[in-house]
Amino acid sequence: MKLLKNKLVIGSLCILLGLLFSFVALPALFDGGQDTTVSAVRMKTPVQEGEQITAEMVEIVSVPEYLASSPLRDIASAVGQYANADLYAGDYLTAEKLSQELPKRSLLSAGEAKGKTVVSVTLPSLASGVSGRILPGDIVTVIAISQSTTNQTLGIDPETEQTVSFGAVIYPELEYIEVCMITASTGADAEVAASPEEDTENSLPVTVSFYATQEQAIRLAELEQQGVLHIAFVARGEAVTKYVSDAVLAGTEVD
């Protein structure tokens, strides 16, 4: 009987110690991680790889430090950057998940994601392409200068071809359009630096490609064949969504 009582006492003590360990010791072990909270930027909506982050897509929350590893602490550090991979609602954003430049996927395949085509036109001069400083994802305005070639009698020459300009105009459909890529004569991406390294030289742009609707594509094709265009820079980064709602949905290296 004494042995039974001893076992009962010992068992009760074990249960009591177990309860104390569960409710006192364990919380104490993790107290530093659970009680310490940090501000973290969290996704409210899913985004695709290459999509630009806007303020409406994210929120700032306070979470236990152990739940978020090196999170971004303020919304401003996320807005305007691009997703390096597909992100989902509830994901905590870190510097590794975002990039200041377009991730290396296909710039051309981004057109399909936008429901648009990619159309290229020739730049008549370095000045007509903002001195080579526009970048993929920029929003620009295309100024059209209509031209035609006529045969005229000039002096002793019976017939001389002369190109006549009809002035500059901005068509509504080309007022704000997104740049897909800028290409040099070699077919590679154009690169223009203010102070290139001694062993490198600038690769000047020859053509510029746009993400275009059908209406924009037709107008650009007309200009390529019958006119001249001049590009004016409008916006870059976070500001692009003020002009084109689907700007930089996806984008990356050239196919």
C-alpha atoms as a PDB file:
ATOM      1  CA  MET A   1       0.000   0.000   0.000  1.00  0.00           C
ATOM      2  CA  LYS A   2       2.835   2.358   0.851  1.00  0.00           C
ATOM      3  CA  LEU A   3       4.484   1.450  -2.455  1.00  0.00           C
ATOM      4  CA  LEU A   4       1.239   2.270  -4.311  1.00  0.00           C
ATOM      5  CA  LYS A   5       0.974   5.550  -2.518  1.00  0.00           C
ATOM      6  CA  ASN A   6       4.582   6.327  -3.355  1.00  0.00           C
ATOM      7  CA  LYS A   7       3.954   5.568  -7.015  1.00  0.00           C
ATOM      8  CA  LEU A   8       0.881   7.761  -6.961  1.00  0.00           C
ATOM      9  CA  VAL A   9       2.831  10.581  -5.391  1.00  0.00           C
ATOM     10  CA  ILE A  10       5.704  10.153  -7.799  1.00  0.00           C
ATOM     11  CA  GLY A  11       3.320  10.084 -10.768  1.00  0.00           C
ATOM     12  CA  SER A  12       1.536  13.172  -9.574  1.00  0.00           C
ATOM     13  CA  LEU A  13       4.840  14.931  -9.146  1.00  0.00           C
ATOM     14  CA  CYS A  14       5.892  13.943 -12.670  1.00  0.00           C
ATOM     15  CA  ILE A  15       2.656  15.292 -14.116  1.00  0.00           C
ATOM     16  CA  LEU A  16       3.034  18.500 -12.140  1.00  0.00           C
ATOM     17  CA  LEU A  17       6.615  18.920 -13.303  1.00  0.00           C
ATOM     18  CA  GLY A  18       5.523  18.277 -16.887  1.00  0.00           C
ATOM     19  CA  LEU A  19       2.860  20.930 -16.668  1.00  0.00           C
ATOM     20  CA  LEU A  20       5.279  23.396 -15.146  1.00  0.00           C
ATOM     21  CA  PHE A  21       7.790  22.689 -17.910  1.00  0.00           C
ATOM     22  CA  SER A  22       5.149  23.144 -20.640  1.00  0.00           C
ATOM     23  CA  PHE A  23       3.679  26.348 -19.336  1.00  0.00           C
ATOM     24  CA  VAL A  24       6.718  27.980 -17.752  1.00  0.00           C
ATOM     25  CA  ALA A  25      10.010  26.605 -19.015  1.00  0.00           C
ATOM     26  CA  LEU A  26       9.194  26.285 -22.724  1.00  0.00           C
ATOM     27  CA  PRO A  27       7.766  29.817 -23.095  1.00  0.00           C
ATOM     28  CA  ALA A  28      10.807  31.112 -21.263  1.00  0.00           C
ATOM     29  CA  LEU A  29      13.120  29.386 -23.762  1.00  0.00           C
ATOM     30  CA  PHE A  30      11.439  31.110 -26.701  1.00  0.00           C
ATOM     31  CA  ASP A  31      10.618  34.323 -24.903  1.00  0.00           C
ATOM     32  CA  GLY A  32      13.192  36.355 -26.828  1.00  0.00           C
ATOM     33  CA  GLY A  33      11.785  35.302 -30.233  1.00  0.00           C
ATOM     34  CA  GLN A  34       8.086  35.468 -29.396  1.00  0.00           C
ATOM     35  CA  ASP A  35       7.996  38.660 -27.378  1.00  0.00           C
ATOM     36  CA  THR A  36      10.290  40.574 -29.756  1.00  0.00           C
ATOM     37  CA  THR A  37       8.275  41.901 -32.677  1.00  0.00           C
ATOM     38  CA  VAL A  38       9.456  43.660 -35.813  1.00  0.00           C
ATOM     39  CA  SER A  39       7.810  45.608 -38.603  1.00  0.00           C
ATOM     40  CA  ALA A  40       7.654  43.635 -41.834  1.00  0.00           C
ATOM     41  CA  VAL A  41       6.378  44.273 -45.351  1.00  0.00           C
ATOM     42  CA  ARG A  42       3.893  41.575 -46.345  1.00  0.00           C
ATOM     43  CA  MET A  43       2.234  40.855 -49.696  1.00  0.00           C
ATOM     44  CA  LYS A  44      -1.513  41.470 -49.827  1.00  0.00           C
ATOM     45  CA  THR A  45      -1.952  40.040 -53.326  1.00  0.00           C
ATOM     46  CA  PRO A  46      -0.029  37.520 -55.448  1.00  0.00           C
ATOM     47  CA  VAL A  47       2.300  38.840 -58.162  1.00  0.00           C
ATOM     48  CA  GLN A  48       4.183  37.173 -60.986  1.00  0.00           C
ATOM     49  CA  GLU A  49       7.932  37.119 -61.382  1.00  0.00           C
ATOM     50  CA  GLY A  50       9.058  40.399 -62.919  1.00  0.00           C
ATOM     51  CA  GLU A  51       5.974  42.353 -61.863  1.00  0.00           C
ATOM     52  CA  GLN A  52       6.594  45.743 -60.337  1.00  0.00           C
ATOM     53  CA  ILE A  53       5.519  46.165 -56.720  1.00  0.00           C
ATOM     54  CA  THR A  54       3.019  48.945 -56.030  1.00  0.00           C
ATOM     55  CA  ALA A  55       1.799  50.348 -52.725  1.00  0.00           C
ATOM     56  CA  GLU A  56      -1.579  48.636 -53.152  1.00  0.00           C
ATOM     57  CA  MET A  57       0.051  45.193 -53.232  1.00  0.00           C
ATOM     58  CA  VAL A  58       1.754  45.361 -49.824  1.00  0.00           C
ATOM     59  CA  GLU A  59       1.071  46.173 -46.195  1.00  0.00           C
ATOM     60  CA  ILE A  60       3.141  46.809 -43.078  1.00  0.00           C
ATOM     61  CA  VAL A  61       2.553  44.411 -40.168  1.00  0.00           C
ATOM     62  CA  SER A  62       4.072  43.714 -36.767  1.00  0.00           C
ATOM     63  CA  VAL A  63       5.183  40.081 -36.345  1.00  0.00           C
ATOM     64  CA  PRO A  64       7.344  38.020 -33.975  1.00  0.00           C
ATOM     65  CA  GLU A  65      10.942  38.273 -35.102  1.00  0.00           C
ATOM     66  CA  TYR A  66      11.310  34.523 -35.554  1.00  0.00           C
ATOM     67  CA  LEU A  67       8.513  34.427 -38.164  1.00  0.00           C
ATOM     68  CA  ALA A  68      10.224  36.753 -40.645  1.00  0.00           C
ATOM     69  CA  SER A  69      13.889  36.457 -41.511  1.00  0.00           C
ATOM     70  CA  SER A  70      15.462  39.823 -42.425  1.00  0.00           C
ATOM     71  CA  PRO A  71      12.215  41.366 -43.688  1.00  0.00           C
ATOM     72  CA  LEU A  72      11.928  44.744 -45.338  1.00  0.00           C
ATOM     73  CA  ARG A  73      10.826  47.175 -42.629  1.00  0.00           C
ATOM     74  CA  ASP A  74       8.976  49.863 -44.606  1.00  0.00           C
ATOM     75  CA  ILE A  75       6.751  49.943 -47.675  1.00  0.00           C
ATOM     76  CA  ALA A  76       8.882  52.559 -49.452  1.00  0.00           C
ATOM     77  CA  SER A  77      11.735  50.050 -49.718  1.00  0.00           C
ATOM     78  CA  ALA A  78       9.514  47.652 -51.690  1.00  0.00           C
ATOM     79  CA  VAL A  79       7.441  49.941 -53.914  1.00  0.00           C
ATOM     80  CA  GLY A  80       8.894  50.369 -57.392  1.00  0.00           C
ATOM     81  CA  GLN A  81      11.022  47.223 -57.246  1.00  0.00           C
ATOM     82  CA  TYR A  82      10.433  44.001 -59.224  1.00  0.00           C
ATOM     83  CA  ALA A  83       9.660  40.498 -57.989  1.00  0.00           C
ATOM     84  CA  ASN A  84      12.543  38.068 -58.486  1.00  0.00           C
ATOM     85  CA  ALA A  85      10.084  35.153 -58.295  1.00  0.00           C
ATOM     86  CA  ASP A  86       6.355  34.533 -58.034  1.00  0.00           C
ATOM     87  CA  LEU A  87       5.094  35.945 -54.727  1.00  0.00           C
ATOM     88  CA  TYR A  88       1.910  35.073 -52.879  1.00  0.00           C
ATOM     89  CA  ALA A  89      -0.413  36.808 -50.444  1.00  0.00           C
ATOM     90  CA  GLY A  90       1.116  36.526 -46.975  1.00  0.00           C
ATOM     91  CA  ASP A  91       4.751  36.386 -48.175  1.00  0.00           C
ATOM     92  CA  TYR A  92       7.124  38.557 -46.156  1.00  0.00           C
ATOM     93  CA  LEU A  93       9.347  40.576 -48.476  1.00  0.00           C
ATOM     94  CA  THR A  94      13.129  40.500 -48.187  1.00  0.00           C
ATOM     95  CA  ALA A  95      15.826  42.184 -50.237  1.00  0.00           C
ATOM     96  CA  GLU A  96      16.567  38.848 -51.952  1.00  0.00           C
ATOM     97  CA  LYS A  97      12.994  38.563 -53.258  1.00  0.00           C
ATOM     98  CA  LEU A  98      13.118  41.927 -55.049  1.00  0.00           C
ATOM     99  CA  SER A  99      15.292  43.647 -57.594  1.00  0.00           C
ATOM    100  CA  GLN A 100      15.691  47.263 -58.675  1.00  0.00           C
ATOM    101  CA  GLU A 101      15.975  46.064 -62.281  1.00  0.00           C
ATOM    102  CA  LEU A 102      13.883  43.709 -64.364  1.00  0.00           C
ATOM    103  CA  PRO A 103      14.618  40.066 -63.528  1.00  0.00           C
ATOM    104  CA  LYS A 104      16.318  38.019 -66.211  1.00  0.00           C
ATOM    105  CA  ARG A 105      13.437  36.391 -67.984  1.00  0.00           C
ATOM    106  CA  SER A 106      12.236  37.235 -71.463  1.00  0.00           C
ATOM    107  CA  LEU A 107      11.365  40.803 -72.342  1.00  0.00           C
ATOM    108  CA  LEU A 108       9.522  39.506 -75.376  1.00  0.00           C
ATOM    109  CA  SER A 109       7.405  37.009 -73.451  1.00  0.00           C
ATOM    110  CA  ALA A 110       6.277  39.858 -71.202  1.00  0.00           C
ATOM    111  CA  GLY A 111       4.207  41.164 -74.103  1.00  0.00           C
ATOM    112  CA  GLU A 112       1.968  38.100 -73.964  1.00  0.00           C
ATOM    113  CA  ALA A 113       1.475  38.570 -70.213  1.00  0.00           C
ATOM    114  CA  LYS A 114       0.335  42.127 -70.896  1.00  0.00           C
ATOM    115  CA  GLY A 115      -1.936  41.134 -73.769  1.00  0.00           C
ATOM    116  CA  LYS A 116       0.217  43.209 -76.112  1.00  0.00           C
ATOM    117  CA  THR A 117       2.592  42.738 -79.014  1.00  0.00           C
ATOM    118  CA  VAL A 118       6.213  43.885 -79.274  1.00  0.00           C
ATOM    119  CA  VAL A 119       6.926  46.298 -82.133  1.00  0.00           C
ATOM    120  CA  SER A 120      10.328  47.696 -83.142  1.00  0.00           C
ATOM    121  CA  VAL A 121      11.061  50.963 -84.928  1.00  0.00           C
ATOM    122  CA  THR A 122      14.270  52.555 -86.162  1.00  0.00           C
ATOM    123  CA  LEU A 123      15.833  55.506 -84.400  1.00  0.00           C
ATOM    124  CA  PRO A 124      16.968  58.068 -86.977  1.00  0.00           C
ATOM    125  CA  SER A 125      19.597  59.551 -84.637  1.00  0.00           C
ATOM    126  CA  LEU A 126      21.043  59.341 -81.143  1.00  0.00           C
ATOM    127  CA  ALA A 127      19.085  62.454 -80.155  1.00  0.00           C
ATOM    128  CA  SER A 128      15.796  60.904 -81.245  1.00  0.00           C
ATOM    129  CA  GLY A 129      16.226  58.187 -78.587  1.00  0.00           C
ATOM    130  CA  VAL A 130      16.886  60.478 -75.590  1.00  0.00           C
ATOM    131  CA  SER A 131      20.631  60.174 -76.242  1.00  0.00           C
ATOM    132  CA  GLY A 132      20.503  56.442 -75.624  1.00  0.00           C
ATOM    133  CA  ARG A 133      19.482  56.808 -71.967  1.00  0.00           C
ATOM    134  CA  ILE A 134      16.028  55.198 -72.046  1.00  0.00           C
ATOM    135  CA  LEU A 135      15.694  51.776 -70.408  1.00  0.00           C
ATOM    136  CA  PRO A 136      13.287  48.823 -70.611  1.00  0.00           C
ATOM    137  CA  GLY A 137      10.201  49.619 -68.560  1.00  0.00           C
ATOM    138  CA  ASP A 138      10.405  53.376 -69.156  1.00  0.00           C
ATOM    139  CA  ILE A 139       7.302  55.235 -70.279  1.00  0.00           C
ATOM    140  CA  VAL A 140       7.894  57.552 -73.233  1.00  0.00           C
ATOM    141  CA  THR A 141       5.982  59.706 -75.674  1.00  0.00           C
ATOM    142  CA  VAL A 142       6.506  59.066 -79.375  1.00  0.00           C
ATOM    143  CA  ILE A 143       6.471  62.239 -81.441  1.00  0.00           C
ATOM    144  CA  ALA A 144       5.648  61.559 -85.085  1.00  0.00           C
ATOM    145  CA  ILE A 145       7.130  63.576 -87.941  1.00  0.00           C
ATOM    146  CA  SER A 146       5.366  62.634 -91.156  1.00  0.00           C
ATOM    147  CA  GLN A 147       7.465  62.758 -94.315  1.00  0.00           C
ATOM    148  CA  SER A 148       7.121  61.910 -97.975  1.00  0.00           C
ATOM    149  CA  THR A 149       9.455  61.867-100.956  1.00  0.00           C
ATOM    150  CA  THR A 150       8.407  63.899-103.997  1.00  0.00           C
ATOM    151  CA  ASN A 151       9.893  64.446-107.414  1.00  0.00           C
ATOM    152  CA  GLN A 152      10.460  68.113-108.163  1.00  0.00           C
ATOM    153  CA  THR A 153      12.085  70.046-110.997  1.00  0.00           C
ATOM    154  CA  LEU A 154      15.005  71.959-109.509  1.00  0.00           C
ATOM    155  CA  GLY A 155      17.300  74.035-111.754  1.00  0.00           C
ATOM    156  CA  ILE A 156      18.933  72.138-114.604  1.00  0.00           C
ATOM    157  CA  ASP A 157      18.080  68.740-113.151  1.00  0.00           C
ATOM    158  CA  PRO A 158      14.888  67.515-114.775  1.00  0.00           C
ATOM    159  CA  GLU A 159      13.753  65.622-111.695  1.00  0.00           C
ATOM    160  CA  THR A 160      15.217  65.523-108.194  1.00  0.00           C
ATOM    161  CA  GLU A 161      13.884  63.566-105.240  1.00  0.00           C
ATOM    162  CA  GLN A 162      13.226  65.706-102.204  1.00  0.00           C
ATOM    163  CA  THR A 163      11.963  64.693 -98.768  1.00  0.00           C
ATOM    164  CA  VAL A 164       9.301  66.998 -97.412  1.00  0.00           C
ATOM    165  CA  SER A 165       8.377  67.146 -93.714  1.00  0.00           C
ATOM    166  CA  PHE A 166       4.845  67.926 -92.638  1.00  0.00           C
ATOM    167  CA  GLY A 167       5.518  68.865 -89.005  1.00  0.00           C
ATOM    168  CA  ALA A 168       5.455  67.033 -85.696  1.00  0.00           C
ATOM    169  CA  VAL A 169       2.406  65.553 -84.007  1.00  0.00           C
ATOM    170  CA  ILE A 170       1.692  63.414 -80.940  1.00  0.00           C
ATOM    171  CA  TYR A 171      -0.974  60.817 -81.667  1.00  0.00           C
ATOM    172  CA  PRO A 172      -3.134  60.059 -78.585  1.00  0.00           C
ATOM    173  CA  GLU A 173      -2.319  56.352 -78.779  1.00  0.00           C
ATOM    174  CA  LEU A 174       1.434  57.088 -78.657  1.00  0.00           C
ATOM    175  CA  GLU A 175       1.375  59.657 -75.867  1.00  0.00           C
ATOM    176  CA  TYR A 176       2.325  57.079 -73.233  1.00  0.00           C
ATOM    177  CA  ILE A 177       3.875  53.812 -74.304  1.00  0.00           C
ATOM    178  CA  GLU A 178       6.185  51.394 -72.522  1.00  0.00           C
ATOM    179  CA  VAL A 179       9.678  50.549 -73.758  1.00  0.00           C
ATOM    180  CA  CYS A 180      10.407  46.829 -74.112  1.00  0.00           C
ATOM    181  CA  MET A 181      14.064  46.935 -75.182  1.00  0.00           C
ATOM    182  CA  ILE A 182      16.677  49.062 -76.907  1.00  0.00           C
ATOM    183  CA  THR A 183      18.948  47.346 -79.420  1.00  0.00           C
ATOM    184  CA  ALA A 184      22.296  48.156 -81.045  1.00  0.00           C
ATOM    185  CA  SER A 185      23.261  47.446 -84.657  1.00  0.00           C
ATOM    186  CA  THR A 186      24.695  44.072 -83.605  1.00  0.00           C
ATOM    187  CA  GLY A 187      21.334  42.939 -82.243  1.00  0.00           C
ATOM    188  CA  ALA A 188      22.623  43.051 -78.679  1.00  0.00           C
ATOM    189  CA  ASP A 189      21.212  45.328 -76.000  1.00  0.00           C
ATOM    190  CA  ALA A 190      22.359  48.914 -76.448  1.00  0.00           C
ATOM    191  CA  GLU A 191      24.520  50.250 -73.620  1.00  0.00           C
ATOM    192  CA  VAL A 192      25.354  53.924 -73.193  1.00  0.00           C
ATOM    193  CA  ALA A 193      27.429  55.115 -70.239  1.00  0.00           C
ATOM    194  CA  ALA A 194      28.358  58.715 -69.487  1.00  0.00           C
ATOM    195  CA  SER A 195      31.962  57.668 -68.772  1.00  0.00           C
ATOM    196  CA  PRO A 196      32.697  54.233 -70.265  1.00  0.00           C
ATOM    197  CA  GLU A 197      35.700  52.254 -69.053  1.00  0.00           C
ATOM    198  CA  GLU A 198      38.945  52.504 -71.026  1.00  0.00           C
ATOM    199  CA  ASP A 199      38.607  48.976 -72.422  1.00  0.00           C
ATOM    200  CA  THR A 200      34.930  49.353 -73.352  1.00  0.00           C
ATOM    201  CA  GLU A 201      32.914  51.557 -75.658  1.00  0.00           C
ATOM    202  CA  ASN A 202      29.294  52.531 -75.876  1.00  0.00           C
ATOM    203  CA  SER A 203      26.958  50.346 -77.888  1.00  0.00           C
ATOM    204  CA  LEU A 204      24.647  52.946 -79.397  1.00  0.00           C
ATOM    205  CA  PRO A 205      20.947  52.230 -79.921  1.00  0.00           C
ATOM    206  CA  VAL A 206      19.639  51.689 -83.427  1.00  0.00           C
ATOM    207  CA  THR A 207      16.138  50.401 -82.747  1.00  0.00           C
ATOM    208  CA  VAL A 208      13.685  50.638 -79.881  1.00  0.00           C
ATOM    209  CA  SER A 209      10.913  48.118 -79.202  1.00  0.00           C
ATOM    210  CA  PHE A 210       7.628  48.876 -77.476  1.00  0.00           C
ATOM    211  CA  TYR A 211       4.855  46.912 -75.788  1.00  0.00           C
ATOM    212  CA  ALA A 212       1.990  47.950 -78.042  1.00  0.00           C
ATOM    213  CA  THR A 213      -1.723  47.470 -78.444  1.00  0.00           C
ATOM    214  CA  GLN A 214      -2.992  46.752 -81.949  1.00  0.00           C
ATOM    215  CA  GLU A 215      -3.767  50.432 -82.512  1.00  0.00           C
ATOM    216  CA  GLN A 216      -0.314  51.481 -81.304  1.00  0.00           C
ATOM    217  CA  ALA A 217       1.387  48.786 -83.393  1.00  0.00           C
ATOM    218  CA  ILE A 218      -0.338  49.975 -86.579  1.00  0.00           C
ATOM    219  CA  ARG A 219       0.639  53.594 -85.922  1.00  0.00           C
ATOM    220  CA  LEU A 220       4.275  52.653 -85.198  1.00  0.00           C
ATOM    221  CA  ALA A 221       4.438  50.543 -88.375  1.00  0.00           C
ATOM    222  CA  GLU A 222       3.157  53.511 -90.394  1.00  0.00           C
ATOM    223  CA  LEU A 223       5.826  55.762 -88.901  1.00  0.00           C
ATOM    224  CA  GLU A 224       8.536  53.218 -89.632  1.00  0.00           C
ATOM    225  CA  GLN A 225       7.591  53.154 -93.303  1.00  0.00           C
ATOM    226  CA  GLN A 226       6.400  56.707 -93.960  1.00  0.00           C
ATOM    227  CA  GLY A 227       7.753  59.018 -91.296  1.00  0.00           C
ATOM    228  CA  VAL A 228      10.288  59.740 -88.606  1.00  0.00           C
ATOM    229  CA  LEU A 229       9.855  59.472 -84.882  1.00  0.00           C
ATOM    230  CA  HIS A 230      11.354  61.297 -81.917  1.00  0.00           C
ATOM    231  CA  ILE A 231      11.101  59.966 -78.373  1.00  0.00           C
ATOM    232  CA  ALA A 232      10.489  62.054 -75.251  1.00  0.00           C
ATOM    233  CA  PHE A 233      11.106  60.517 -71.817  1.00  0.00           C
ATOM    234  CA  VAL A 234       8.118  60.533 -69.414  1.00  0.00           C
ATOM    235  CA  ALA A 235       8.603  58.253 -66.400  1.00  0.00           C
ATOM    236  CA  ARG A 236      10.659  55.480 -64.809  1.00  0.00           C
ATOM    237  CA  GLY A 237      10.275  53.203 -61.787  1.00  0.00           C
ATOM    238  CA  GLU A 238       7.293  53.620 -59.491  1.00  0.00           C
ATOM    239  CA  ALA A 239       5.908  56.516 -61.539  1.00  0.00           C
ATOM    240  CA  VAL A 240       5.225  54.403 -64.645  1.00  0.00           C
ATOM    241  CA  THR A 241       1.888  53.118 -63.338  1.00  0.00           C
ATOM    242  CA  LYS A 242       0.535  56.675 -63.434  1.00  0.00           C
ATOM    243  CA  TYR A 243       0.660  56.442 -67.215  1.00  0.00           C
ATOM    244  CA  VAL A 244       0.390  52.753 -68.132  1.00  0.00           C
ATOM    245  CA  SER A 245      -1.447  50.551 -65.643  1.00  0.00           C
ATOM    246  CA  ASP A 246       0.148  47.278 -66.742  1.00  0.00           C
ATOM    247  CA  ALA A 247       3.684  48.646 -67.126  1.00  0.00           C
ATOM    248  CA  VAL A 248       6.396  46.117 -66.372  1.00  0.00           C
ATOM    249  CA  LEU A 249       4.155  43.182 -65.565  1.00  0.00           C
ATOM    250  CA  ALA A 250       7.076  40.971 -66.474  1.00  0.00           C
ATOM    251  CA  GLY A 251      10.312  41.339 -68.222  1.00  0.00           C
ATOM    252  CA  THR A 252      13.831  40.140 -68.596  1.00  0.00           C
ATOM    253  CA  GLU A 253      16.520  39.089 -70.979  1.00  0.00           C
ATOM    254  CA  VAL A 254      15.936  39.208 -74.702  1.00  0.00           C
ATOM    255  CA  ASP A 255      14.796  36.030 -76.432  1.00  0.00           C
END
